[in-house]
């Protein structure tokens, strides 16, 4: 399954908002690979030994869905982890929608 499917992200945010003011919450966004309902793309492949693998990852479409939650829940913003791997979408899209601050 996806690393952070929208239904589970919503559950975590809704719980968090019962404990923490929204302006103190940064929503974490995974930046690594791990269907429509989760709104995260994936692919399947078989390795050289014939073992099947399923890889889930974020793209511009899935990031837009997560970013929309920032406004919906009036959050402080987002925070990316595992930034060792560069993905064009995860650089361009946040810069177009948010003020970027290094914490």
N, C-alpha and C. Protein backbone atom coordinates (compact mmCIF):
# COMPACT_ATOMS: atom_id res chain seq x y z
N UNK A 1 0.84 -1.18 0.00
CA UNK A 1 0.00 0.00 0.00
C UNK A 1 0.87 1.23 0.00
N UNK A 2 0.29 2.36 -0.27
CA UNK A 2 1.02 3.63 -0.31
C UNK A 2 1.63 3.95 1.05
N UNK A 3 2.72 4.70 1.04
CA UNK A 3 3.38 5.12 2.27
C UNK A 3 2.44 5.98 3.11
N UNK A 4 1.74 6.89 2.47
CA UNK A 4 0.86 7.81 3.19
C UNK A 4 -0.42 8.04 2.39
N UNK A 5 -1.32 7.04 2.35
CA UNK A 5 -2.56 7.23 1.60
C UNK A 5 -3.45 8.30 2.24
N UNK A 6 -4.13 9.05 1.40
CA UNK A 6 -4.95 10.18 1.86
C UNK A 6 -5.90 9.82 3.02
N UNK A 7 -6.62 8.70 2.98
CA UNK A 7 -7.53 8.41 4.10
C UNK A 7 -6.80 8.31 5.46
N UNK A 8 -5.61 7.70 5.47
CA UNK A 8 -4.86 7.59 6.73
C UNK A 8 -4.26 8.93 7.13
N UNK A 9 -3.82 9.72 6.14
CA UNK A 9 -3.29 11.05 6.45
C UNK A 9 -4.37 11.90 7.11
N UNK A 10 -5.59 11.83 6.57
CA UNK A 10 -6.71 12.57 7.16
C UNK A 10 -6.95 12.14 8.61
N UNK A 11 -6.93 10.83 8.87
CA UNK A 11 -7.16 10.35 10.24
C UNK A 11 -6.12 10.90 11.20
N UNK A 12 -4.86 10.88 10.79
CA UNK A 12 -3.79 11.38 11.65
C UNK A 12 -3.95 12.88 11.88
N UNK A 13 -4.25 13.63 10.80
CA UNK A 13 -4.44 15.08 10.95
C UNK A 13 -5.62 15.40 11.87
N UNK A 14 -6.72 14.70 11.68
CA UNK A 14 -7.90 14.96 12.50
C UNK A 14 -7.63 14.67 13.97
N UNK A 15 -6.88 13.61 14.26
CA UNK A 15 -6.50 13.34 15.65
C UNK A 15 -5.56 14.43 16.15
N UNK A 16 -4.54 14.75 15.36
CA UNK A 16 -3.56 15.75 15.76
C UNK A 16 -4.21 17.09 16.09
N UNK A 17 -5.22 17.46 15.32
CA UNK A 17 -5.90 18.73 15.56
C UNK A 17 -6.70 18.75 16.85
N UNK A 18 -6.98 17.58 17.43
CA UNK A 18 -7.64 17.55 18.73
C UNK A 18 -6.64 17.79 19.86
N UNK A 19 -5.35 17.67 19.55
CA UNK A 19 -4.31 17.79 20.57
C UNK A 19 -3.39 19.01 20.40
N UNK A 20 -3.28 19.51 19.16
CA UNK A 20 -2.30 20.55 18.82
C UNK A 20 -2.97 21.61 17.95
N UNK A 21 -2.69 22.90 18.18
CA UNK A 21 -3.24 23.94 17.31
C UNK A 21 -2.76 23.74 15.86
N UNK A 22 -3.63 24.00 14.90
CA UNK A 22 -3.30 23.75 13.50
C UNK A 22 -2.08 24.54 13.03
N UNK A 23 -1.87 25.74 13.58
CA UNK A 23 -0.73 26.54 13.12
C UNK A 23 0.61 26.02 13.65
N UNK A 24 0.57 24.96 14.44
CA UNK A 24 1.79 24.32 14.96
C UNK A 24 2.08 23.00 14.23
N UNK A 25 1.21 22.61 13.31
CA UNK A 25 1.36 21.31 12.64
C UNK A 25 1.96 21.47 11.26
N UNK A 26 3.03 20.74 11.00
CA UNK A 26 3.59 20.57 9.66
C UNK A 26 3.27 19.15 9.23
N UNK A 27 2.61 18.99 8.11
CA UNK A 27 2.28 17.65 7.62
C UNK A 27 3.51 17.06 6.93
N UNK A 28 3.93 15.88 7.38
CA UNK A 28 5.07 15.20 6.77
C UNK A 28 4.70 14.62 5.41
N UNK A 29 5.60 14.74 4.43
CA UNK A 29 5.39 14.22 3.09
C UNK A 29 6.54 13.25 2.78
N UNK A 30 6.24 11.99 2.51
CA UNK A 30 7.32 11.06 2.16
C UNK A 30 7.88 11.37 0.78
N UNK A 31 9.16 11.17 0.63
CA UNK A 31 9.82 11.44 -0.65
C UNK A 31 10.54 10.18 -1.11
N UNK A 32 9.84 9.06 -1.06
CA UNK A 32 10.46 7.80 -1.46
C UNK A 32 9.39 6.84 -1.92
N UNK A 33 9.80 5.81 -2.65
CA UNK A 33 8.86 4.82 -3.13
C UNK A 33 8.65 3.70 -2.11
N UNK A 34 7.65 3.31 -1.85
CA UNK A 34 7.49 2.22 -0.87
C UNK A 34 6.78 1.10 -1.53
N UNK A 35 -3.51 3.56 -6.40
CA UNK A 35 -4.81 3.21 -6.91
C UNK A 35 -5.77 4.33 -6.66
N UNK A 36 -6.14 4.31 -7.11
CA UNK A 36 -6.96 5.54 -7.07
C UNK A 36 -7.44 5.96 -5.69
N UNK A 37 -7.88 5.02 -4.83
CA UNK A 37 -8.40 5.43 -3.53
C UNK A 37 -7.31 6.05 -2.66
N UNK A 38 -6.08 5.55 -2.77
CA UNK A 38 -4.99 6.12 -1.98
C UNK A 38 -4.42 7.36 -2.66
N UNK A 39 -4.69 7.53 -3.93
CA UNK A 39 -4.22 8.63 -4.75
C UNK A 39 -2.70 8.71 -4.76
N UNK A 40 -2.05 7.55 -4.75
CA UNK A 40 -0.60 7.44 -4.87
C UNK A 40 -0.29 6.43 -5.96
N UNK A 41 0.60 6.79 -6.89
CA UNK A 41 0.93 5.87 -7.98
C UNK A 41 1.81 4.71 -7.49
N UNK A 42 1.79 3.62 -8.26
CA UNK A 42 2.63 2.47 -7.93
C UNK A 42 2.92 1.70 -9.21
N UNK A 43 3.90 0.80 -9.11
CA UNK A 43 4.17 -0.11 -10.21
C UNK A 43 4.62 -1.45 -9.63
N UNK A 44 4.50 -2.47 -10.44
CA UNK A 44 4.92 -3.82 -10.04
C UNK A 44 5.99 -4.31 -11.01
N UNK A 45 6.91 -5.12 -10.49
CA UNK A 45 7.92 -5.74 -11.34
C UNK A 45 8.39 -7.04 -10.69
N UNK A 46 9.04 -7.86 -11.47
CA UNK A 46 9.66 -9.08 -10.97
C UNK A 46 11.17 -8.95 -11.12
N UNK A 47 11.89 -9.33 -10.07
CA UNK A 47 13.34 -9.23 -10.14
C UNK A 47 13.93 -10.42 -10.89
N UNK A 48 15.23 -10.49 -10.95
CA UNK A 48 15.92 -11.53 -11.71
C UNK A 48 15.60 -12.94 -11.22
N UNK A 49 15.21 -13.05 -9.94
CA UNK A 49 14.85 -14.35 -9.36
C UNK A 49 13.35 -14.64 -9.49
N UNK A 50 12.62 -13.76 -10.18
CA UNK A 50 11.19 -13.96 -10.37
C UNK A 50 10.34 -13.54 -9.18
N UNK A 51 10.94 -12.87 -8.22
CA UNK A 51 10.20 -12.41 -7.04
C UNK A 51 9.48 -11.11 -7.38
N UNK A 52 8.16 -11.07 -7.12
CA UNK A 52 7.36 -9.89 -7.42
C UNK A 52 7.55 -8.80 -6.39
N UNK A 53 7.57 -7.57 -6.84
CA UNK A 53 7.70 -6.40 -5.98
C UNK A 53 6.62 -5.39 -6.36
N UNK A 54 6.15 -4.63 -5.38
CA UNK A 54 5.19 -3.54 -5.61
C UNK A 54 5.79 -2.29 -4.98
N UNK A 55 5.95 -1.23 -5.77
CA UNK A 55 6.59 0.00 -5.32
C UNK A 55 5.59 1.14 -5.38
N UNK A 56 5.40 1.83 -4.27
CA UNK A 56 4.50 2.98 -4.18
C UNK A 56 5.36 4.23 -4.05
N UNK A 57 4.92 5.33 -4.64
CA UNK A 57 5.71 6.56 -4.59
C UNK A 57 4.79 7.77 -4.74
N UNK A 58 5.34 8.95 -4.51
CA UNK A 58 4.60 10.20 -4.68
C UNK A 58 4.94 10.80 -6.04
N UNK A 59 3.97 11.45 -6.66
CA UNK A 59 4.19 12.23 -7.87
C UNK A 59 3.43 13.54 -7.73
N UNK A 60 3.43 14.36 -8.78
CA UNK A 60 2.79 15.67 -8.69
C UNK A 60 1.31 15.54 -8.32
N UNK A 61 0.62 14.58 -8.90
CA UNK A 61 -0.81 14.39 -8.63
C UNK A 61 -1.06 14.04 -7.16
N UNK A 62 -0.30 13.09 -6.63
CA UNK A 62 -0.52 12.69 -5.23
C UNK A 62 -0.09 13.79 -4.26
N UNK A 63 0.98 14.54 -4.63
CA UNK A 63 1.40 15.66 -3.78
C UNK A 63 0.34 16.75 -3.74
N UNK A 64 -0.28 17.04 -4.88
CA UNK A 64 -1.34 18.06 -4.91
C UNK A 64 -2.47 17.69 -3.94
N UNK A 65 -2.82 16.39 -3.90
CA UNK A 65 -3.86 15.94 -2.98
C UNK A 65 -3.45 16.19 -1.53
N UNK A 66 -2.21 15.89 -1.20
CA UNK A 66 -1.73 16.11 0.17
C UNK A 66 -1.64 17.60 0.48
N UNK A 67 -1.15 18.40 -0.47
CA UNK A 67 -1.06 19.84 -0.25
C UNK A 67 -2.43 20.47 -0.02
N UNK A 68 -3.46 19.94 -0.65
CA UNK A 68 -4.80 20.50 -0.46
C UNK A 68 -5.26 20.34 0.99
N UNK A 69 -4.71 19.35 1.70
CA UNK A 69 -5.07 19.16 3.10
C UNK A 69 -4.53 20.28 3.99
N UNK A 70 -3.44 20.92 3.57
CA UNK A 70 -2.87 22.03 4.35
C UNK A 70 -3.89 23.14 4.47
N UNK A 71 -4.50 23.51 3.35
CA UNK A 71 -5.53 24.56 3.39
C UNK A 71 -6.80 24.07 4.08
N UNK A 72 -7.21 22.84 3.76
CA UNK A 72 -8.44 22.30 4.34
C UNK A 72 -8.40 22.28 5.86
N UNK A 73 -7.25 21.89 6.42
CA UNK A 73 -7.11 21.78 7.87
C UNK A 73 -6.41 22.99 8.49
N UNK A 74 -6.11 24.00 7.67
CA UNK A 74 -5.47 25.23 8.14
C UNK A 74 -4.15 24.93 8.88
N UNK A 75 -3.32 24.09 8.27
CA UNK A 75 -2.05 23.69 8.88
C UNK A 75 -0.98 24.74 8.65
N UNK A 76 0.09 24.64 9.40
CA UNK A 76 1.23 25.54 9.25
C UNK A 76 1.95 25.31 7.92
N UNK A 77 1.95 24.08 7.43
CA UNK A 77 2.64 23.78 6.18
C UNK A 77 2.93 22.30 6.05
N UNK A 78 3.98 21.98 5.31
CA UNK A 78 4.40 20.59 5.12
C UNK A 78 5.89 20.47 5.40
N UNK A 79 6.33 19.27 5.60
CA UNK A 79 7.74 19.00 5.82
C UNK A 79 8.08 17.71 5.08
N UNK A 80 9.16 17.73 4.31
CA UNK A 80 9.59 16.53 3.58
C UNK A 80 10.66 15.79 4.36
N UNK A 81 10.62 14.47 4.28
CA UNK A 81 11.72 13.69 4.85
C UNK A 81 12.30 12.81 3.75
N UNK A 82 13.51 12.32 4.00
CA UNK A 82 14.27 11.55 3.02
C UNK A 82 14.50 12.38 1.76
N UNK A 83 15.12 13.54 1.95
CA UNK A 83 15.37 14.46 0.84
C UNK A 83 16.66 14.12 0.10
N UNK A 84 17.23 12.95 0.35
CA UNK A 84 18.46 12.56 -0.33
C UNK A 84 18.22 12.22 -1.79
N UNK A 85 16.99 11.93 -2.14
CA UNK A 85 16.65 11.59 -3.52
C UNK A 85 15.89 12.74 -4.13
N UNK A 86 16.40 13.30 -5.23
CA UNK A 86 15.77 14.44 -5.87
C UNK A 86 14.68 13.99 -6.83
N UNK A 87 13.51 14.60 -6.71
CA UNK A 87 12.41 14.40 -7.64
C UNK A 87 11.93 15.77 -8.07
N UNK A 88 11.87 16.00 -9.35
CA UNK A 88 11.49 17.30 -9.89
C UNK A 88 10.18 17.81 -9.29
N UNK A 89 9.16 16.93 -9.22
CA UNK A 89 7.85 17.35 -8.72
C UNK A 89 7.91 17.81 -7.27
N UNK A 90 8.73 17.14 -6.46
CA UNK A 90 8.77 17.50 -5.04
C UNK A 90 9.58 18.77 -4.79
N UNK A 91 10.21 19.29 -5.82
CA UNK A 91 10.90 20.57 -5.71
C UNK A 91 10.04 21.68 -6.31
N UNK A 92 9.54 21.48 -7.50
CA UNK A 92 8.78 22.50 -8.22
C UNK A 92 7.43 22.79 -7.57
N UNK A 93 6.67 21.76 -7.25
CA UNK A 93 5.32 21.95 -6.73
C UNK A 93 5.27 22.70 -5.40
N UNK A 94 6.05 22.32 -4.39
CA UNK A 94 5.99 23.09 -3.13
C UNK A 94 6.39 24.55 -3.32
N UNK A 95 7.39 24.79 -4.17
CA UNK A 95 7.82 26.16 -4.41
C UNK A 95 6.73 27.00 -5.07
N UNK A 96 5.83 26.36 -5.80
CA UNK A 96 4.77 27.10 -6.47
C UNK A 96 3.56 27.33 -5.56
N UNK A 97 3.47 26.61 -4.44
CA UNK A 97 2.28 26.72 -3.58
C UNK A 97 2.54 27.25 -2.18
N UNK A 98 3.79 27.22 -1.75
CA UNK A 98 4.09 27.60 -0.37
C UNK A 98 5.30 28.52 -0.31
N UNK A 99 5.39 29.26 0.79
CA UNK A 99 6.60 30.00 1.09
C UNK A 99 7.55 29.01 1.75
N UNK A 100 8.75 28.83 1.19
CA UNK A 100 9.69 27.84 1.70
C UNK A 100 10.57 28.48 2.77
N UNK A 101 10.58 27.84 3.95
CA UNK A 101 11.44 28.30 5.04
C UNK A 101 12.23 27.11 5.56
N UNK A 102 13.50 27.31 5.81
CA UNK A 102 14.33 26.26 6.38
C UNK A 102 14.24 26.37 7.89
N UNK A 103 13.90 25.26 8.55
CA UNK A 103 13.75 25.28 10.01
C UNK A 103 14.98 24.73 10.70
